[in-house]
């Protein structure tokens, strides 16, 4: 009986650690919390079923719990929409005659504020990257100083 309680305690600790790492935008966090709690219940049920000798039920519950835990951790890939040259210049704060170096410096400055690790969002970081790519790809940057 002691092994059952140890296994259930391990599942509970896993759920608490995972809940402590929840950093999500509004509306998405509730799903992740619910999925974590439900997957921990399924895993605990799998442990109990395994100790009672119901291997098929234990396998099914463990599979469902692991699938739910893994599926709730997947983050959507943020893709930016096409951006116009004027919008790209506004996002980076550069003028029409900006050199490639000025664009790269403006991108670095904007990215320090927009990066998700610095308090920004994935969407904003993708928009800043799209603006840089648009201006550098389009040939909107001059390589030398203005004459």
Protein backbone atom coordinates (compact mmCIF):
# COMPACT_ATOMS: atom_id res chain seq x y z
CA UNK A 1 0.00 0.00 0.00
CA UNK A 2 2.95 2.33 0.60
CA UNK A 3 3.97 2.20 -3.06
CA UNK A 4 0.51 3.34 -4.15
CA UNK A 5 0.75 6.43 -1.96
CA UNK A 6 4.28 7.12 -3.15
CA UNK A 7 3.19 6.93 -6.79
CA UNK A 8 0.17 9.15 -6.13
CA UNK A 9 2.38 11.67 -4.32
CA UNK A 10 4.74 11.71 -7.31
CA UNK A 11 1.82 12.46 -9.64
CA UNK A 12 0.64 15.25 -7.32
CA UNK A 13 4.12 16.81 -7.15
CA UNK A 14 4.39 16.65 -10.94
CA UNK A 15 1.03 18.45 -11.28
CA UNK A 16 2.04 21.16 -8.78
CA UNK A 17 5.38 21.77 -10.50
CA UNK A 18 3.69 21.97 -13.88
CA UNK A 19 1.02 24.35 -12.61
CA UNK A 20 3.76 26.55 -11.17
CA UNK A 21 5.26 26.97 -14.64
CA UNK A 22 2.09 28.30 -16.24
CA UNK A 23 2.86 31.51 -18.11
CA UNK A 24 0.25 32.12 -20.75
CA UNK A 25 -1.77 34.89 -22.24
CA UNK A 26 -5.31 35.44 -21.02
CA UNK A 27 -7.84 32.73 -21.80
CA UNK A 28 -5.27 30.07 -22.64
CA UNK A 29 -4.08 29.50 -19.07
CA UNK A 30 -7.43 28.10 -17.92
CA UNK A 31 -7.24 25.31 -20.48
CA UNK A 32 -3.69 24.45 -19.44
CA UNK A 33 -4.60 24.34 -15.73
CA UNK A 34 -7.65 22.18 -16.42
CA UNK A 35 -5.65 19.87 -18.69
CA UNK A 36 -2.94 19.49 -16.05
CA UNK A 37 -5.45 18.63 -13.33
CA UNK A 38 -7.33 16.19 -15.54
CA UNK A 39 -4.14 14.51 -16.75
CA UNK A 40 -2.92 14.14 -13.16
CA UNK A 41 -6.24 12.49 -12.23
CA UNK A 42 -5.91 10.15 -15.21
CA UNK A 43 -2.33 9.26 -14.26
CA UNK A 44 -3.35 8.67 -10.64
CA UNK A 45 -6.14 6.40 -11.86
CA UNK A 46 -3.61 4.54 -13.99
CA UNK A 47 -1.40 4.01 -10.94
CA UNK A 48 -4.33 2.68 -8.91
CA UNK A 49 -5.46 0.42 -11.76
CA UNK A 50 -1.93 -0.94 -12.20
CA UNK A 51 -1.62 -1.79 -8.50
CA UNK A 52 -4.96 -3.60 -8.65
CA UNK A 53 -3.80 -5.64 -11.63
CA UNK A 54 -6.03 -4.05 -14.29
CA UNK A 55 -3.27 -3.58 -16.86
CA UNK A 56 -5.48 -2.71 -19.82
CA UNK A 57 -7.27 -0.01 -17.88
CA UNK A 58 -3.96 1.27 -16.48
CA UNK A 59 -2.47 1.46 -19.97
CA UNK A 60 -5.50 3.31 -21.34
CA UNK A 61 -5.62 5.80 -18.46
CA UNK A 62 -1.87 6.43 -18.60
CA UNK A 63 -2.00 6.92 -22.36
CA UNK A 64 -4.88 9.37 -22.09
CA UNK A 65 -3.18 11.26 -19.26
CA UNK A 66 0.13 11.54 -21.12
CA UNK A 67 -1.59 12.57 -24.34
CA UNK A 68 -3.53 15.30 -22.55
CA UNK A 69 -0.42 16.50 -20.70
CA UNK A 70 1.62 16.63 -23.91
CA UNK A 71 -1.17 18.15 -26.01
CA UNK A 72 -1.79 20.97 -23.58
CA UNK A 73 1.88 21.99 -23.70
CA UNK A 74 1.91 22.58 -27.46
CA UNK A 75 2.09 26.25 -28.38
CA UNK A 76 0.76 27.59 -31.62
CA UNK A 77 3.30 28.85 -34.14
CA UNK A 78 2.95 32.58 -34.57
CA UNK A 79 3.28 33.67 -38.17
CA UNK A 80 3.21 37.28 -39.11
CA UNK A 81 1.05 38.67 -41.85
CA UNK A 82 2.67 40.38 -44.83
CA UNK A 83 3.67 43.88 -43.89
CA UNK A 84 3.91 46.92 -46.14
CA UNK A 85 7.03 49.01 -46.41
CA UNK A 86 5.45 52.03 -44.70
CA UNK A 87 4.21 49.85 -41.84
CA UNK A 88 7.63 48.22 -41.53
CA UNK A 89 9.29 51.62 -41.26
CA UNK A 90 6.75 52.69 -38.63
CA UNK A 91 7.30 49.54 -36.57
CA UNK A 92 11.06 50.02 -36.54
CA UNK A 93 10.95 53.81 -36.41
CA UNK A 94 13.26 54.43 -39.36
CA UNK A 95 12.92 56.85 -42.23
CA UNK A 96 12.79 56.14 -45.97
CA UNK A 97 16.51 56.72 -46.41
CA UNK A 98 17.67 54.41 -43.60
CA UNK A 99 20.82 52.39 -44.20
CA UNK A 100 21.09 48.68 -43.54
CA UNK A 101 23.01 49.38 -40.33
CA UNK A 102 20.33 51.80 -39.11
CA UNK A 103 17.62 49.22 -39.81
CA UNK A 104 19.56 46.54 -37.93
CA UNK A 105 20.12 48.86 -34.93
CA UNK A 106 16.44 49.86 -34.91
CA UNK A 107 15.45 46.17 -35.06
CA UNK A 108 17.72 45.34 -32.13
CA UNK A 109 16.32 48.23 -30.11
CA UNK A 110 12.72 47.24 -30.90
CA UNK A 111 13.38 43.57 -30.21
CA UNK A 112 14.70 44.30 -26.72
CA UNK A 113 11.19 45.52 -25.87
CA UNK A 114 9.14 43.13 -28.02
CA UNK A 115 10.81 39.80 -27.20
CA UNK A 116 8.62 37.46 -25.10
CA UNK A 117 11.46 36.92 -22.61
CA UNK A 118 11.60 40.68 -22.03
CA UNK A 119 7.88 41.19 -21.41
CA UNK A 120 6.73 41.41 -25.03
CA UNK A 121 4.57 38.99 -26.95
CA UNK A 122 5.27 36.42 -29.64
CA UNK A 123 3.04 38.28 -32.07
CA UNK A 124 4.82 41.59 -31.54
CA UNK A 125 8.24 39.95 -31.91
CA UNK A 126 7.09 38.31 -35.15
CA UNK A 127 5.89 41.70 -36.43
CA UNK A 128 9.25 43.34 -35.62
CA UNK A 129 11.06 40.51 -37.41
CA UNK A 130 8.74 40.81 -40.41
CA UNK A 131 9.43 44.57 -40.56
CA UNK A 132 13.18 44.00 -40.56
CA UNK A 133 12.93 41.29 -43.19
CA UNK A 134 10.71 43.46 -45.39
CA UNK A 135 13.06 46.43 -45.30
CA UNK A 136 16.24 44.42 -45.82
CA UNK A 137 14.79 42.15 -48.51
CA UNK A 138 13.04 44.91 -50.40
CA UNK A 139 16.28 46.76 -50.89
CA UNK A 140 14.89 49.65 -48.91
CA UNK A 141 18.22 50.01 -47.18
CA UNK A 142 21.15 51.79 -48.68
CA UNK A 143 24.50 50.28 -47.93
CA UNK A 144 26.40 53.50 -47.56
CA UNK A 145 25.87 56.85 -45.90
CA UNK A 146 23.46 59.26 -47.50
CA UNK A 147 24.98 61.69 -49.97
